[in-house]
């Protein structure tokens, strides 16, 4: 009786731990993906704005 209860406790505890670890890894992966996307967009917008500035400067230079 006591042994079965103990083994049941151990099994549920280990599965709970595993679930918690899985949740943490999932959260970390999602955060990593999110930051990757944000970083990529940030770099693209920076590059795009630099291109726009260059184009504007060229146009300004062409005008007398």
PDB file of N, CA and C in Angstrom:
ATOM      1  N   UNK A   1       0.844  -1.206   0.000  1.00  0.00           N
ATOM      2  CA  UNK A   1       0.000   0.000   0.000  1.00  0.00           C
ATOM      3  C   UNK A   1       0.877   1.254   0.000  1.00  0.00           C
ATOM      4  N   UNK A   2       1.766   1.318   0.961  1.00  0.00           N
ATOM      5  CA  UNK A   2       2.640   2.482   1.081  1.00  0.00           C
ATOM      6  C   UNK A   2       3.578   2.592  -0.121  1.00  0.00           C
ATOM      7  N   UNK A   3       4.078   1.434  -0.563  1.00  0.00           N
ATOM      8  CA  UNK A   3       5.033   1.409  -1.665  1.00  0.00           C
ATOM      9  C   UNK A   3       4.384   1.897  -2.970  1.00  0.00           C
ATOM     10  N   UNK A   4       3.162   1.443  -3.224  1.00  0.00           N
ATOM     11  CA  UNK A   4       2.469   1.849  -4.458  1.00  0.00           C
ATOM     12  C   UNK A   4       2.193   3.361  -4.439  1.00  0.00           C
ATOM     13  N   UNK A   5       1.819   3.858  -3.267  1.00  0.00           N
ATOM     14  CA  UNK A   5       1.558   5.295  -3.133  1.00  0.00           C
ATOM     15  C   UNK A   5       2.831   6.087  -3.400  1.00  0.00           C
ATOM     16  N   UNK A   6       3.943   5.585  -2.856  1.00  0.00           N
ATOM     17  CA  UNK A   6       5.233   6.249  -3.020  1.00  0.00           C
ATOM     18  C   UNK A   6       5.665   6.247  -4.487  1.00  0.00           C
ATOM     19  N   UNK A   7       5.517   5.095  -5.143  1.00  0.00           N
ATOM     20  CA  UNK A   7       5.915   4.998  -6.555  1.00  0.00           C
ATOM     21  C   UNK A   7       5.037   5.914  -7.415  1.00  0.00           C
ATOM     22  N   UNK A   8       3.741   5.975  -7.066  1.00  0.00           N
ATOM     23  CA  UNK A   8       2.826   6.848  -7.794  1.00  0.00           C
ATOM     24  C   UNK A   8       3.260   8.304  -7.642  1.00  0.00           C
ATOM     25  N   UNK A   9       3.621   8.669  -6.412  1.00  0.00           N
ATOM     26  CA  UNK A   9       4.083  10.026  -6.132  1.00  0.00           C
ATOM     27  C   UNK A   9       5.323  10.343  -6.967  1.00  0.00           C
ATOM     28  N   UNK A  10       6.260   9.396  -6.993  1.00  0.00           N
ATOM     29  CA  UNK A  10       7.502   9.596  -7.732  1.00  0.00           C
ATOM     30  C   UNK A  10       7.234   9.780  -9.224  1.00  0.00           C
ATOM     31  N   UNK A  11       6.343   8.956  -9.759  1.00  0.00           N
ATOM     32  CA  UNK A  11       6.030   9.029 -11.188  1.00  0.00           C
ATOM     33  C   UNK A  11       5.391  10.375 -11.524  1.00  0.00           C
ATOM     34  N   UNK A  12       4.406  10.774 -10.725  1.00  0.00           N
ATOM     35  CA  UNK A  12       3.737  12.050 -10.997  1.00  0.00           C
ATOM     36  C   UNK A  12       4.720  13.204 -10.826  1.00  0.00           C
ATOM     37  N   UNK A  13       5.605  13.084  -9.835  1.00  0.00           N
ATOM     38  CA  UNK A  13       6.575  14.148  -9.593  1.00  0.00           C
ATOM     39  C   UNK A  13       7.522  14.283 -10.780  1.00  0.00           C
ATOM     40  N   UNK A  14       8.030  13.162 -11.278  1.00  0.00           N
ATOM     41  CA  UNK A  14       8.981  13.215 -12.391  1.00  0.00           C
ATOM     42  C   UNK A  14       8.299  13.741 -13.655  1.00  0.00           C
ATOM     43  N   UNK A  15       7.055  13.322 -13.885  1.00  0.00           N
ATOM     44  CA  UNK A  15       6.354  13.798 -15.081  1.00  0.00           C
ATOM     45  C   UNK A  15       6.055  15.290 -14.948  1.00  0.00           C
ATOM     46  N   UNK A  16       5.740  15.723 -13.725  1.00  0.00           N
ATOM     47  CA  UNK A  16       5.484  17.143 -13.484  1.00  0.00           C
ATOM     48  C   UNK A  16       6.752  17.949 -13.741  1.00  0.00           C
ATOM     49  N   UNK A  17       7.867  17.405 -13.265  1.00  0.00           N
ATOM     50  CA  UNK A  17       9.159  18.067 -13.477  1.00  0.00           C
ATOM     51  C   UNK A  17       9.458  18.169 -14.965  1.00  0.00           C
ATOM     52  N   UNK A  18       9.201  17.069 -15.663  1.00  0.00           N
ATOM     53  CA  UNK A  18       9.460  17.025 -17.101  1.00  0.00           C
ATOM     54  C   UNK A  18       8.594  18.056 -17.821  1.00  0.00           C
ATOM     55  N   UNK A  19       7.335  18.143 -17.410  1.00  0.00           N
ATOM     56  CA  UNK A  19       6.408  19.097 -18.014  1.00  0.00           C
ATOM     57  C   UNK A  19       6.892  20.525 -17.780  1.00  0.00           C
ATOM     58  N   UNK A  20       7.360  20.774 -16.561  1.00  0.00           N
ATOM     59  CA  UNK A  20       7.862  22.100 -16.224  1.00  0.00           C
ATOM     60  C   UNK A  20       9.072  22.441 -17.088  1.00  0.00           C
ATOM     61  N   UNK A  21       9.976  21.479 -17.233  1.00  0.00           N
ATOM     62  CA  UNK A  21      11.170  21.682 -18.048  1.00  0.00           C
ATOM     63  C   UNK A  21      10.782  21.928 -19.505  1.00  0.00           C
ATOM     64  N   UNK A  22       9.797  21.170 -19.968  1.00  0.00           N
ATOM     65  CA  UNK A  22       9.326  21.321 -21.343  1.00  0.00           C
ATOM     66  C   UNK A  22       8.749  22.716 -21.554  1.00  0.00           C
ATOM     67  N   UNK A  23       7.962  23.169 -20.588  1.00  0.00           N
ATOM     68  CA  UNK A  23       7.378  24.504 -20.668  1.00  0.00           C
ATOM     69  C   UNK A  23       8.477  25.561 -20.728  1.00  0.00           C
ATOM     70  N   UNK A  24       9.496  25.396 -19.881  1.00  0.00           N
ATOM     71  CA  UNK A  24      10.595  26.363 -19.854  1.00  0.00           C
ATOM     72  C   UNK A  24      11.336  26.387 -21.182  1.00  0.00           C
ATOM     73  N   UNK A  25      11.600  25.204 -21.745  1.00  0.00           N
ATOM     74  CA  UNK A  25      12.315  25.152 -23.026  1.00  0.00           C
ATOM     75  C   UNK A  25      11.466  25.774 -24.122  1.00  0.00           C
ATOM     76  N   UNK A  26      10.168  25.502 -24.091  1.00  0.00           N
ATOM     77  CA  UNK A  26       9.261  26.064 -25.087  1.00  0.00           C
ATOM     78  C   UNK A  26       9.247  27.586 -24.992  1.00  0.00           C
ATOM     79  N   UNK A  27       9.178  28.077 -23.762  1.00  0.00           N
ATOM     80  CA  UNK A  27       9.162  29.521 -23.550  1.00  0.00           C
ATOM     81  C   UNK A  27      10.462  30.145 -24.051  1.00  0.00           C
ATOM     82  N   UNK A  28      11.579  29.496 -23.735  1.00  0.00           N
ATOM     83  CA  UNK A  28      12.880  30.002 -24.173  1.00  0.00           C
ATOM     84  C   UNK A  28      12.972  30.015 -25.696  1.00  0.00           C
ATOM     85  N   UNK A  29      12.473  28.948 -26.314  1.00  0.00           N
ATOM     86  CA  UNK A  29      12.510  28.862 -27.776  1.00  0.00           C
ATOM     87  C   UNK A  29      11.643  29.953 -28.400  1.00  0.00           C
ATOM     88  N   UNK A  30      10.464  30.155 -27.837  1.00  0.00           N
ATOM     89  CA  UNK A  30       9.566  31.186 -28.358  1.00  0.00           C
ATOM     90  C   UNK A  30      10.177  32.569 -28.199  1.00  0.00           C
ATOM     91  N   UNK A  31      10.783  32.814 -27.034  1.00  0.00           N
ATOM     92  CA  UNK A  31      11.420  34.105 -26.799  1.00  0.00           C
ATOM     93  C   UNK A  31      12.563  34.317 -27.777  1.00  0.00           C
ATOM     94  N   UNK A  32      13.361  33.274 -27.973  1.00  0.00           N
ATOM     95  CA  UNK A  32      14.480  33.362 -28.908  1.00  0.00           C
ATOM     96  C   UNK A  32      14.004  33.671 -30.314  1.00  0.00           C
ATOM     97  N   UNK A  33      12.945  32.992 -30.724  1.00  0.00           N
ATOM     98  CA  UNK A  33      12.374  33.210 -32.056  1.00  0.00           C
ATOM     99  C   UNK A  33      11.848  34.640 -32.185  1.00  0.00           C
ATOM    100  N   UNK A  34      11.128  35.075 -31.151  1.00  0.00           N
ATOM    101  CA  UNK A  34      10.552  36.417 -31.146  1.00  0.00           C
ATOM    102  C   UNK A  34      11.643  37.477 -31.259  1.00  0.00           C
ATOM    103  N   UNK A  35      12.692  37.326 -30.426  1.00  0.00           N
ATOM    104  CA  UNK A  35      13.779  38.302 -30.462  1.00  0.00           C
ATOM    105  C   UNK A  35      14.522  38.248 -31.795  1.00  0.00           C
ATOM    106  N   UNK A  36      14.628  37.062 -32.369  1.00  0.00           N
ATOM    107  CA  UNK A  36      15.266  36.930 -33.678  1.00  0.00           C
ATOM    108  C   UNK A  36      14.501  37.693 -34.741  1.00  0.00           C
ATOM    109  N   UNK A  37      13.177  37.533 -34.728  1.00  0.00           N
ATOM    110  CA  UNK A  37      12.330  38.221 -35.705  1.00  0.00           C
ATOM    111  C   UNK A  37      12.413  39.729 -35.509  1.00  0.00           C
ATOM    112  N   UNK A  38      12.333  40.161 -34.245  1.00  0.00           N
ATOM    113  CA  UNK A  38      12.394  41.596 -33.949  1.00  0.00           C
ATOM    114  C   UNK A  38      13.743  42.170 -34.388  1.00  0.00           C
ATOM    115  N   UNK A  39      14.807  41.441 -34.078  1.00  0.00           N
ATOM    116  CA  UNK A  39      16.142  41.891 -34.480  1.00  0.00           C
ATOM    117  C   UNK A  39      16.283  41.986 -35.984  1.00  0.00           C
ATOM    118  N   UNK A  40      15.738  40.997 -36.671  1.00  0.00           N
ATOM    119  CA  UNK A  40      15.794  40.986 -38.135  1.00  0.00           C
ATOM    120  C   UNK A  40      15.038  42.189 -38.704  1.00  0.00           C
ATOM    121  N   UNK A  41      13.831  42.418 -38.174  1.00  0.00           N
ATOM    122  CA  UNK A  41      13.031  43.551 -38.646  1.00  0.00           C
ATOM    123  C   UNK A  41      13.737  44.871 -38.350  1.00  0.00           C
ATOM    124  N   UNK A  42      14.351  44.957 -37.169  1.00  0.00           N
ATOM    125  CA  UNK A  42      15.059  46.169 -36.772  1.00  0.00           C
ATOM    126  C   UNK A  42      16.208  46.447 -37.734  1.00  0.00           C
ATOM    127  N   UNK A  43      16.980  45.383 -38.055  1.00  0.00           N
ATOM    128  CA  UNK A  43      18.098  45.544 -38.992  1.00  0.00           C
ATOM    129  C   UNK A  43      17.587  45.967 -40.366  1.00  0.00           C
ATOM    130  N   UNK A  44      16.490  45.346 -40.803  1.00  0.00           N
ATOM    131  CA  UNK A  44      15.954  45.669 -42.123  1.00  0.00           C
ATOM    132  C   UNK A  44      15.473  47.115 -42.181  1.00  0.00           C
ATOM    133  N   UNK A  45      14.783  47.563 -41.145  1.00  0.00           N
ATOM    134  CA  UNK A  45      14.282  48.942 -41.146  1.00  0.00           C
ATOM    135  C   UNK A  45      15.450  49.922 -41.089  1.00  0.00           C
ATOM    136  N   UNK A  46      16.482  49.571 -40.328  1.00  0.00           N
ATOM    137  CA  UNK A  46      17.654  50.445 -40.261  1.00  0.00           C
ATOM    138  C   UNK A  46      18.302  50.548 -41.635  1.00  0.00           C
ATOM    139  N   UNK A  47      18.469  49.401 -42.283  1.00  0.00           N
ATOM    140  CA  UNK A  47      19.081  49.371 -43.608  1.00  0.00           C
ATOM    141  C   UNK A  47      18.207  50.152 -44.594  1.00  0.00           C
ATOM    142  N   UNK A  48      16.911  49.956 -44.495  1.00  0.00           N
ATOM    143  CA  UNK A  48      15.968  50.620 -45.395  1.00  0.00           C
ATOM    144  C   UNK A  48      16.026  52.133 -45.197  1.00  0.00           C
ATOM    145  N   UNK A  49      16.053  52.570 -43.945  1.00  0.00           N
ATOM    146  CA  UNK A  49      16.098  54.008 -43.675  1.00  0.00           C
ATOM    147  C   UNK A  49      17.420  54.593 -44.170  1.00  0.00           C
ATOM    148  N   UNK A  50      18.510  53.823 -44.041  1.00  0.00           N
ATOM    149  CA  UNK A  50      19.797  54.287 -44.561  1.00  0.00           C
ATOM    150  C   UNK A  50      19.720  54.465 -46.075  1.00  0.00           C
ATOM    151  N   UNK A  51      19.088  53.507 -46.753  1.00  0.00           N
ATOM    152  CA  UNK A  51      18.921  53.596 -48.207  1.00  0.00           C
ATOM    153  C   UNK A  51      18.102  54.829 -48.568  1.00  0.00           C
ATOM    154  N   UNK A  52      17.040  55.073 -47.815  1.00  0.00           N
ATOM    155  CA  UNK A  52      16.193  56.235 -48.083  1.00  0.00           C
ATOM    156  C   UNK A  52      16.979  57.525 -47.897  1.00  0.00           C
ATOM    157  N   UNK A  53      17.814  57.563 -46.865  1.00  0.00           N
ATOM    158  CA  UNK A  53      18.635  58.751 -46.610  1.00  0.00           C
ATOM    159  C   UNK A  53      19.614  58.961 -47.757  1.00  0.00           C
ATOM    160  N   UNK A  54      20.229  57.876 -48.229  1.00  0.00           N
ATOM    161  CA  UNK A  54      21.173  57.965 -49.349  1.00  0.00           C
ATOM    162  C   UNK A  54      20.482  58.494 -50.596  1.00  0.00           C
ATOM    163  N   UNK A  55      19.286  57.960 -50.878  1.00  0.00           N
ATOM    164  CA  UNK A  55      18.524  58.394 -52.055  1.00  0.00           C
ATOM    165  C   UNK A  55      18.175  59.875 -51.933  1.00  0.00           C
ATOM    166  N   UNK A  56      17.747  60.279 -50.751  1.00  0.00           N
ATOM    167  CA  UNK A  56      17.386  61.679 -50.526  1.00  0.00           C
ATOM    168  C   UNK A  56      18.606  62.578 -50.726  1.00  0.00           C
ATOM    169  N   UNK A  57      19.761  62.152 -50.255  1.00  0.00           N
ATOM    170  CA  UNK A  57      20.983  62.933 -50.417  1.00  0.00           C
ATOM    171  C   UNK A  57      21.348  63.062 -51.886  1.00  0.00           C
ATOM    172  N   UNK A  58      21.205  61.976 -52.636  1.00  0.00           N
ATOM    173  CA  UNK A  58      21.510  62.008 -54.071  1.00  0.00           C
ATOM    174  C   UNK A  58      20.598  63.004 -54.778  1.00  0.00           C
ATOM    175  N   UNK A  59      19.325  62.959 -54.447  1.00  0.00           N
ATOM    176  CA  UNK A  59      18.359  63.872 -55.073  1.00  0.00           C
ATOM    177  C   UNK A  59      18.702  65.319 -54.733  1.00  0.00           C
ATOM    178  N   UNK A  60      19.108  65.538 -53.496  1.00  0.00           N
ATOM    179  CA  UNK A  60      19.453  66.881 -53.047  1.00  0.00           C
ATOM    180  C   UNK A  60      20.679  67.387 -53.812  1.00  0.00           C
ATOM    181  N   UNK A  61      21.636  66.494 -54.041  1.00  0.00           N
ATOM    182  CA  UNK A  61      22.856  66.884 -54.743  1.00  0.00           C
ATOM    183  C   UNK A  61      22.566  67.205 -56.209  1.00  0.00           C
ATOM    184  N   UNK A  62      21.618  66.482 -56.819  1.00  0.00           N
ATOM    185  CA  UNK A  62      21.281  66.707 -58.230  1.00  0.00           C
ATOM    186  C   UNK A  62      20.670  68.090 -58.434  1.00  0.00           C
ATOM    187  N   UNK A  63      19.834  68.510 -57.478  1.00  0.00           N
ATOM    188  CA  UNK A  63      19.174  69.815 -57.619  1.00  0.00           C
ATOM    189  C   UNK A  63      20.196  70.937 -57.432  1.00  0.00           C
ATOM    190  N   UNK A  64      20.182  71.935 -58.302  1.00  0.00           N
ATOM    191  CA  UNK A  64      21.153  73.035 -58.196  1.00  0.00           C
ATOM    192  C   UNK A  64      20.811  74.003 -57.062  1.00  0.00           C
TER     193      UNK A  64
END
